[in-house]
PDB file of N, CA and C in Angstrom:
ATOM      1  N   MET A   1       0.862  -1.170   0.000  1.00  0.00           N
ATOM      2  CA  MET A   1       0.000   0.000   0.000  1.00  0.00           C
ATOM      3  C   MET A   1       0.910   1.235   0.000  1.00  0.00           C
ATOM      4  N   ASN A   2       0.653   2.127  -0.944  1.00  0.00           N
ATOM      5  CA  ASN A   2       1.477   3.334  -0.989  1.00  0.00           C
ATOM      6  C   ASN A   2       0.886   4.415  -0.087  1.00  0.00           C
ATOM      7  N   VAL A   3       1.515   5.547  -0.023  1.00  0.00           N
ATOM      8  CA  VAL A   3       1.128   6.622   0.891  1.00  0.00           C
ATOM      9  C   VAL A   3      -0.260   7.164   0.557  1.00  0.00           C
ATOM     10  N   LYS A   4      -0.554   7.343  -0.731  1.00  0.00           N
ATOM     11  CA  LYS A   4      -1.869   7.879  -1.120  1.00  0.00           C
ATOM     12  C   LYS A   4      -2.987   6.930  -0.692  1.00  0.00           C
ATOM     13  N   GLN A   5      -2.796   5.649  -0.892  1.00  0.00           N
ATOM     14  CA  GLN A   5      -3.813   4.671  -0.511  1.00  0.00           C
ATOM     15  C   GLN A   5      -3.987   4.626   1.008  1.00  0.00           C
ATOM     16  N   ALA A   6      -2.905   4.742   1.745  1.00  0.00           N
ATOM     17  CA  ALA A   6      -2.981   4.725   3.207  1.00  0.00           C
ATOM     18  C   ALA A   6      -3.732   5.939   3.733  1.00  0.00           C
ATOM     19  N   ILE A   7      -3.461   7.112   3.158  1.00  0.00           N
ATOM     20  CA  ILE A   7      -4.158   8.331   3.588  1.00  0.00           C
ATOM     21  C   ILE A   7      -5.637   8.240   3.252  1.00  0.00           C
ATOM     22  N   LEU A   8      -5.961   7.770   2.049  1.00  0.00           N
ATOM     23  CA  LEU A   8      -7.360   7.623   1.643  1.00  0.00           C
ATOM     24  C   LEU A   8      -8.088   6.641   2.555  1.00  0.00           C
ATOM     25  N   CYS A   9      -7.429   5.553   2.899  1.00  0.00           N
ATOM     26  CA  CYS A   9      -8.024   4.556   3.798  1.00  0.00           C
ATOM     27  C   CYS A   9      -8.321   5.167   5.168  1.00  0.00           C
ATOM     28  N   CYS A  10      -7.386   5.925   5.716  1.00  0.00           N
ATOM     29  CA  CYS A  10      -7.587   6.565   7.022  1.00  0.00           C
ATOM     30  C   CYS A  10      -8.727   7.574   6.977  1.00  0.00           C
ATOM     31  N   LEU A  11      -8.822   8.331   5.898  1.00  0.00           N
ATOM     32  CA  LEU A  11      -9.905   9.311   5.769  1.00  0.00           C
ATOM     33  C   LEU A  11     -11.264   8.635   5.668  1.00  0.00           C
ATOM     34  N   LEU A  12     -11.344   7.547   4.917  1.00  0.00           N
ATOM     35  CA  LEU A  12     -12.614   6.832   4.779  1.00  0.00           C
ATOM     36  C   LEU A  12     -13.051   6.215   6.105  1.00  0.00           C
ATOM     37  N   ILE A  13     -12.116   5.631   6.821  1.00  0.00           N
ATOM     38  CA  ILE A  13     -12.452   5.032   8.120  1.00  0.00           C
ATOM     39  C   ILE A  13     -12.877   6.116   9.109  1.00  0.00           C
ATOM     40  N   GLY A  14     -12.183   7.245   9.104  1.00  0.00           N
ATOM     41  CA  GLY A  14     -12.540   8.348  10.000  1.00  0.00           C
ATOM     42  C   GLY A  14     -13.903   8.923   9.697  1.00  0.00           C
ATOM     43  N   SER A  15     -14.236   9.089   8.416  1.00  0.00           N
ATOM     44  CA  SER A  15     -15.544   9.654   8.066  1.00  0.00           C
ATOM     45  C   SER A  15     -16.660   8.658   8.327  1.00  0.00           C
ATOM     46  N   ALA A  16     -16.390   7.372   8.169  1.00  0.00           N
ATOM     47  CA  ALA A  16     -17.409   6.358   8.440  1.00  0.00           C
ATOM     48  C   ALA A  16     -17.732   6.301   9.927  1.00  0.00           C
ATOM     49  N   SER A  17     -16.733   6.466  10.771  1.00  0.00           N
ATOM     50  CA  SER A  17     -16.987   6.408  12.210  1.00  0.00           C
ATOM     51  C   SER A  17     -17.715   7.654  12.704  1.00  0.00           C
ATOM     52  N   LEU A  18     -17.599   8.764  12.019  1.00  0.00           N
ATOM     53  CA  LEU A  18     -18.307   9.978  12.421  1.00  0.00           C
ATOM     54  C   LEU A  18     -19.789   9.913  12.089  1.00  0.00           C
ATOM     55  N   SER A  19     -20.144   9.201  11.028  1.00  0.00           N
ATOM     56  CA  SER A  19     -21.534   9.175  10.597  1.00  0.00           C
ATOM     57  C   SER A  19     -22.373   8.137  11.338  1.00  0.00           C
ATOM     58  N   VAL A  20     -21.756   7.285  12.122  1.00  0.00           N
ATOM     59  CA  VAL A  20     -22.489   6.262  12.858  1.00  0.00           C
ATOM     60  C   VAL A  20     -23.195   6.919  14.039  1.00  0.00           C
ATOM     61  N   SER A  21     -24.500   6.708  14.126  1.00  0.00           N
ATOM     62  CA  SER A  21     -25.244   7.277  15.249  1.00  0.00           C
ATOM     63  C   SER A  21     -25.182   6.310  16.428  1.00  0.00           C
ATOM     64  N   LYS A  22     -25.219   6.854  17.606  1.00  0.00           N
ATOM     65  CA  LYS A  22     -25.174   6.054  18.822  1.00  0.00           C
ATOM     66  C   LYS A  22     -26.598   5.862  19.319  1.00  0.00           C
ATOM     67  N   GLU A  23     -26.823   4.754  19.986  1.00  0.00           N
ATOM     68  CA  GLU A  23     -28.134   4.483  20.558  1.00  0.00           C
ATOM     69  C   GLU A  23     -28.007   4.378  22.070  1.00  0.00           C
ATOM     70  N   GLU A  24     -29.043   4.830  22.737  1.00  0.00           N
ATOM     71  CA  GLU A  24     -29.096   4.745  24.186  1.00  0.00           C
ATOM     72  C   GLU A  24     -30.470   4.215  24.555  1.00  0.00           C
ATOM     73  N   ILE A  25     -30.517   3.380  25.566  1.00  0.00           N
ATOM     74  CA  ILE A  25     -31.794   2.840  26.028  1.00  0.00           C
ATOM     75  C   ILE A  25     -32.341   3.771  27.098  1.00  0.00           C
ATOM     76  N   VAL A  26     -33.554   4.262  26.863  1.00  0.00           N
ATOM     77  CA  VAL A  26     -34.215   5.163  27.800  1.00  0.00           C
ATOM     78  C   VAL A  26     -35.430   4.428  28.364  1.00  0.00           C
ATOM     79  N   CYS A  27     -35.543   4.408  29.686  1.00  0.00           N
ATOM     80  CA  CYS A  27     -36.665   3.728  30.338  1.00  0.00           C
ATOM     81  C   CYS A  27     -37.554   4.737  31.056  1.00  0.00           C
ATOM     82  N   ALA A  28     -38.842   4.412  31.117  1.00  0.00           N
ATOM     83  CA  ALA A  28     -39.811   5.284  31.773  1.00  0.00           C
ATOM     84  C   ALA A  28     -40.854   4.427  32.477  1.00  0.00           C
ATOM     85  N   THR A  29     -41.554   5.045  33.405  1.00  0.00           N
ATOM     86  CA  THR A  29     -42.634   4.385  34.128  1.00  0.00           C
ATOM     87  C   THR A  29     -43.958   4.952  33.654  1.00  0.00           C
ATOM     88  N   ILE A  30     -44.870   4.065  33.285  1.00  0.00           N
ATOM     89  CA  ILE A  30     -46.215   4.462  32.871  1.00  0.00           C
ATOM     90  C   ILE A  30     -47.167   3.981  33.957  1.00  0.00           C
ATOM     91  N   THR A  31     -47.939   4.889  34.523  1.00  0.00           N
ATOM     92  CA  THR A  31     -48.899   4.538  35.569  1.00  0.00           C
ATOM     93  C   THR A  31     -50.301   4.828  35.064  1.00  0.00           C
ATOM     94  N   MET A  32     -51.190   3.841  35.194  1.00  0.00           N
ATOM     95  CA  MET A  32     -52.565   3.980  34.711  1.00  0.00           C
ATOM     96  C   MET A  32     -53.549   3.681  35.834  1.00  0.00           C
ATOM     97  N   ASN A  33     -54.599   4.469  35.906  1.00  0.00           N
ATOM     98  CA  ASN A  33     -55.713   4.170  36.803  1.00  0.00           C
ATOM     99  C   ASN A  33     -56.649   3.222  36.067  1.00  0.00           C
ATOM    100  N   ILE A  34     -56.959   2.098  36.701  1.00  0.00           N
ATOM    101  CA  ILE A  34     -57.886   1.148  36.097  1.00  0.00           C
ATOM    102  C   ILE A  34     -58.960   0.798  37.126  1.00  0.00           C
ATOM    103  N   PRO A  35     -60.153   0.379  36.658  1.00  0.00           N
ATOM    104  CA  PRO A  35     -61.264   0.127  37.591  1.00  0.00           C
ATOM    105  C   PRO A  35     -60.962  -0.937  38.647  1.00  0.00           C
ATOM    106  N   PHE A  36     -60.254  -1.990  38.258  1.00  0.00           N
ATOM    107  CA  PHE A  36     -59.918  -3.057  39.203  1.00  0.00           C
ATOM    108  C   PHE A  36     -58.531  -3.577  38.846  1.00  0.00           C
ATOM    109  N   CYS A  37     -57.643  -3.660  39.802  1.00  0.00           N
ATOM    110  CA  CYS A  37     -56.255  -4.024  39.497  1.00  0.00           C
ATOM    111  C   CYS A  37     -55.839  -5.315  40.192  1.00  0.00           C
ATOM    112  N   LYS A  38     -55.423  -6.254  39.395  1.00  0.00           N
ATOM    113  CA  LYS A  38     -54.728  -7.470  39.815  1.00  0.00           C
ATOM    114  C   LYS A  38     -53.576  -7.643  38.837  1.00  0.00           C
ATOM    115  N   ASP A  39     -52.535  -8.363  39.226  1.00  0.00           N
ATOM    116  CA  ASP A  39     -51.370  -8.506  38.351  1.00  0.00           C
ATOM    117  C   ASP A  39     -51.721  -9.118  36.993  1.00  0.00           C
ATOM    118  N   TRP A  40     -52.658 -10.061  36.961  1.00  0.00           N
ATOM    119  CA  TRP A  40     -53.023 -10.689  35.696  1.00  0.00           C
ATOM    120  C   TRP A  40     -53.814  -9.742  34.793  1.00  0.00           C
ATOM    121  N   ILE A  41     -54.415  -8.681  35.345  1.00  0.00           N
ATOM    122  CA  ILE A  41     -55.096  -7.658  34.537  1.00  0.00           C
ATOM    123  C   ILE A  41     -54.084  -6.607  34.086  1.00  0.00           C
ATOM    124  N   CYS A  42     -53.110  -6.348  34.899  1.00  0.00           N
ATOM    125  CA  CYS A  42     -52.114  -5.312  34.618  1.00  0.00           C
ATOM    126  C   CYS A  42     -51.237  -5.685  33.418  1.00  0.00           C
ATOM    127  N   LYS A  43     -50.912  -6.951  33.274  1.00  0.00           N
ATOM    128  CA  LYS A  43     -50.035  -7.380  32.183  1.00  0.00           C
ATOM    129  C   LYS A  43     -50.631  -7.078  30.802  1.00  0.00           C
ATOM    130  N   PRO A  44     -51.915  -7.371  30.519  1.00  0.00           N
ATOM    131  CA  PRO A  44     -52.465  -7.005  29.202  1.00  0.00           C
ATOM    132  C   PRO A  44     -52.578  -5.493  28.997  1.00  0.00           C
ATOM    133  N   GLU A  45     -52.818  -4.741  30.060  1.00  0.00           N
ATOM    134  CA  GLU A  45     -52.861  -3.276  29.937  1.00  0.00           C
ATOM    135  C   GLU A  45     -51.499  -2.743  29.498  1.00  0.00           C
ATOM    136  N   CYS A  46     -50.443  -3.266  30.094  1.00  0.00           N
ATOM    137  CA  CYS A  46     -49.091  -2.840  29.712  1.00  0.00           C
ATOM    138  C   CYS A  46     -48.739  -3.324  28.307  1.00  0.00           C
ATOM    139  N   TRP A  47     -49.200  -4.512  27.938  1.00  0.00           N
ATOM    140  CA  TRP A  47     -48.961  -5.028  26.593  1.00  0.00           C
ATOM    141  C   TRP A  47     -49.604  -4.122  25.549  1.00  0.00           C
ATOM    142  N   LEU A  48     -50.811  -3.611  25.847  1.00  0.00           N
ATOM    143  CA  LEU A  48     -51.487  -2.688  24.932  1.00  0.00           C
ATOM    144  C   LEU A  48     -50.690  -1.392  24.787  1.00  0.00           C
ATOM    145  N   GLN A  49     -50.162  -0.877  25.887  1.00  0.00           N
ATOM    146  CA  GLN A  49     -49.325   0.327  25.826  1.00  0.00           C
ATOM    147  C   GLN A  49     -48.064   0.060  25.003  1.00  0.00           C
ATOM    148  N   LYS A  50     -47.531  -1.148  25.126  1.00  0.00           N
ATOM    149  CA  LYS A  50     -46.349  -1.534  24.350  1.00  0.00           C
ATOM    150  C   LYS A  50     -46.646  -1.460  22.862  1.00  0.00           C
ATOM    151  N   LYS A  51     -47.780  -1.981  22.451  1.00  0.00           N
ATOM    152  CA  LYS A  51     -48.145  -1.983  21.033  1.00  0.00           C
ATOM    153  C   LYS A  51     -48.461  -0.576  20.532  1.00  0.00           C
ATOM    154  N   LEU A  52     -49.143   0.228  21.331  1.00  0.00           N
ATOM    155  CA  LEU A  52     -49.522   1.576  20.902  1.00  0.00           C
ATOM    156  C   LEU A  52     -48.323   2.510  20.803  1.00  0.00           C
ATOM    157  N   ARG A  53     -47.382   2.388  21.729  1.00  0.00           N
ATOM    158  CA  ARG A  53     -46.243   3.312  21.785  1.00  0.00           C
ATOM    159  C   ARG A  53     -44.983   2.781  21.114  1.00  0.00           C
ATOM    160  N   LYS A  54     -45.011   1.522  20.664  1.00  0.00           N
ATOM    161  CA  LYS A  54     -43.856   0.873  20.023  1.00  0.00           C
ATOM    162  C   LYS A  54     -42.620   0.912  20.929  1.00  0.00           C
ATOM    163  N   ILE A  55     -42.783   0.349  22.114  1.00  0.00           N
ATOM    164  CA  ILE A  55     -41.728   0.315  23.123  1.00  0.00           C
ATOM    165  C   ILE A  55     -41.512  -1.126  23.573  1.00  0.00           C
ATOM    166  N   ASP A  56     -40.469  -1.370  24.343  1.00  0.00           N
ATOM    167  CA  ASP A  56     -40.208  -2.682  24.934  1.00  0.00           C
ATOM    168  C   ASP A  56     -40.688  -2.676  26.377  1.00  0.00           C
ATOM    169  N   LEU A  57     -41.445  -3.685  26.748  1.00  0.00           N
ATOM    170  CA  LEU A  57     -41.985  -3.782  28.099  1.00  0.00           C
ATOM    171  C   LEU A  57     -41.022  -4.562  28.982  1.00  0.00           C
ATOM    172  N   MET A  58     -40.628  -3.979  30.102  1.00  0.00           N
ATOM    173  CA  MET A  58     -39.700  -4.633  31.019  1.00  0.00           C
ATOM    174  C   MET A  58     -40.419  -5.261  32.215  1.00  0.00           C
ATOM    175  N   GLU A  59     -41.444  -4.584  32.726  1.00  0.00           N
ATOM    176  CA  GLU A  59     -42.099  -5.062  33.941  1.00  0.00           C
ATOM    177  C   GLU A  59     -43.504  -4.489  34.011  1.00  0.00           C
ATOM    178  N   SER A  60     -44.417  -5.246  34.602  1.00  0.00           N
ATOM    179  CA  SER A  60     -45.771  -4.749  34.859  1.00  0.00           C
ATOM    180  C   SER A  60     -46.208  -5.246  36.232  1.00  0.00           C
ATOM    181  N   GLN A  61     -46.862  -4.359  36.981  1.00  0.00           N
ATOM    182  CA  GLN A  61     -47.314  -4.741  38.317  1.00  0.00           C
ATOM    183  C   GLN A  61     -48.413  -3.797  38.789  1.00  0.00           C
ATOM    184  N   CYS A  62     -49.212  -4.277  39.734  1.00  0.00           N
ATOM    185  CA  CYS A  62     -50.204  -3.429  40.390  1.00  0.00           C
ATOM    186  C   CYS A  62     -49.518  -2.732  41.559  1.00  0.00           C
ATOM    187  N   ILE A  63     -49.618  -1.418  41.593  1.00  0.00           N
ATOM    188  CA  ILE A  63     -49.044  -0.710  42.735  1.00  0.00           C
ATOM    189  C   ILE A  63     -50.123  -0.330  43.738  1.00  0.00           C
ATOM    190  N   LYS A  64     -51.393  -0.407  43.305  1.00  0.00           N
ATOM    191  CA  LYS A  64     -52.526  -0.244  44.218  1.00  0.00           C
ATOM    192  C   LYS A  64     -53.589  -1.215  43.738  1.00  0.00           C
ATOM    193  N   GLY A  65     -53.765  -2.304  44.459  1.00  0.00           N
ATOM    194  CA  GLY A  65     -54.690  -3.343  44.038  1.00  0.00           C
ATOM    195  C   GLY A  65     -56.126  -3.048  44.425  1.00  0.00           C
ATOM    196  N   GLY A  66     -57.019  -3.859  43.884  1.00  0.00           N
ATOM    197  CA  GLY A  66     -58.430  -3.748  44.212  1.00  0.00           C
ATOM    198  C   GLY A  66     -59.164  -2.734  43.353  1.00  0.00           C
ATOM    199  N   ILE A  67     -60.285  -2.241  43.880  1.00  0.00           N
ATOM    200  CA  ILE A  67     -61.122  -1.277  43.161  1.00  0.00           C
ATOM    201  C   ILE A  67     -60.392   0.060  43.070  1.00  0.00           C
ATOM    202  N   ASN A  68     -60.542   0.724  41.922  1.00  0.00           N
ATOM    203  CA  ASN A  68     -59.826   1.979  41.622  1.00  0.00           C
ATOM    204  C   ASN A  68     -58.318   1.810  41.822  1.00  0.00           C
ATOM    205  N   GLY A  69     -57.781   0.775  41.225  1.00  0.00           N
ATOM    206  CA  GLY A  69     -56.365   0.457  41.376  1.00  0.00           C
ATOM    207  C   GLY A  69     -55.474   1.207  40.403  1.00  0.00           C
ATOM    208  N   LYS A  70     -54.182   0.992  40.580  1.00  0.00           N
ATOM    209  CA  LYS A  70     -53.177   1.606  39.705  1.00  0.00           C
ATOM    210  C   LYS A  70     -52.263   0.514  39.176  1.00  0.00           C
ATOM    211  N   CYS A  71     -52.057   0.567  37.875  1.00  0.00           N
ATOM    212  CA  CYS A  71     -51.175  -0.371  37.198  1.00  0.00           C
ATOM    213  C   CYS A  71     -49.920   0.379  36.765  1.00  0.00           C
ATOM    214  N   GLN A  72     -48.758  -0.217  36.992  1.00  0.00           N
ATOM    215  CA  GLN A  72     -47.495   0.424  36.633  1.00  0.00           C
ATOM    216  C   GLN A  72     -46.749  -0.450  35.627  1.00  0.00           C
ATOM    217  N   CYS A  73     -46.297   0.192  34.543  1.00  0.00           N
ATOM    218  CA  CYS A  73     -45.512  -0.490  33.515  1.00  0.00           C
ATOM    219  C   CYS A  73     -44.154   0.193  33.423  1.00  0.00           C
ATOM    220  N   ILE A  74     -43.105  -0.597  33.351  1.00  0.00           N
ATOM    221  CA  ILE A  74     -41.774  -0.050  33.107  1.00  0.00           C
ATOM    222  C   ILE A  74     -41.422  -0.411  31.674  1.00  0.00           C
ATOM    223  N   ALA A  75     -41.221   0.630  30.866  1.00  0.00           N
ATOM    224  CA  ALA A  75     -40.999   0.449  29.439  1.00  0.00           C
ATOM    225  C   ALA A  75     -39.701   1.115  29.018  1.00  0.00           C
ATOM    226  N   CYS A  76     -39.045   0.539  28.016  1.00  0.00           N
ATOM    227  CA  CYS A  76     -37.780   1.083  27.512  1.00  0.00           C
ATOM    228  C   CYS A  76     -37.824   1.182  25.991  1.00  0.00           C
ATOM    229  N   LYS A  77     -36.998   2.082  25.469  1.00  0.00           N
ATOM    230  CA  LYS A  77     -36.924   2.275  24.024  1.00  0.00           C
ATOM    231  C   LYS A  77     -35.512   2.696  23.648  1.00  0.00           C
ATOM    232  N   ASP A  78     -35.034   2.199  22.504  1.00  0.00           N
ATOM    233  CA  ASP A  78     -33.740   2.632  21.969  1.00  0.00           C
ATOM    234  C   ASP A  78     -33.922   3.984  21.301  1.00  0.00           C
ATOM    235  N   VAL A  79     -33.110   4.951  21.695  1.00  0.00           N
ATOM    236  CA  VAL A  79     -33.193   6.303  21.151  1.00  0.00           C
ATOM    237  C   VAL A  79     -31.870   6.626  20.466  1.00  0.00           C
ATOM    238  N   ASP A  80     -31.942   7.112  19.231  1.00  0.00           N
ATOM    239  CA  ASP A  80     -30.734   7.525  18.517  1.00  0.00           C
ATOM    240  C   ASP A  80     -30.232   8.842  19.082  1.00  0.00           C
ATOM    241  N   ILE A  81     -28.942   8.898  19.347  1.00  0.00           N
ATOM    242  CA  ILE A  81     -28.306  10.122  19.835  1.00  0.00           C
ATOM    243  C   ILE A  81     -27.437  10.657  18.704  1.00  0.00           C
ATOM    244  N   PRO A  82     -27.703  11.874  18.252  1.00  0.00           N
ATOM    245  CA  PRO A  82     -26.865  12.414  17.176  1.00  0.00           C
ATOM    246  C   PRO A  82     -25.435  12.631  17.664  1.00  0.00           C
ATOM    247  N   SER A  83     -24.506  12.352  16.784  1.00  0.00           N
ATOM    248  CA  SER A  83     -23.102  12.486  17.189  1.00  0.00           C
ATOM    249  C   SER A  83     -22.559  13.863  16.905  1.00  0.00           C
TER     250      SER A  83
END
């Protein structure tokens, strides 16, 4: 490899690494009021939120059970970070 080819190779590798975007996983908590809360009811509610928001579901649980309960979903998503 001569000098011109080596310089061109270094420039191409450097420019390729600059254009690659980085991804970061961002997680959030979604809390919903539902008429009656049990863990087996909370899981489909969180699954519906997963489908509507196009996110990954990590955990679902009732944080206040019984009548007028609260369902909590922990969801994550890959977010592109501009370089």
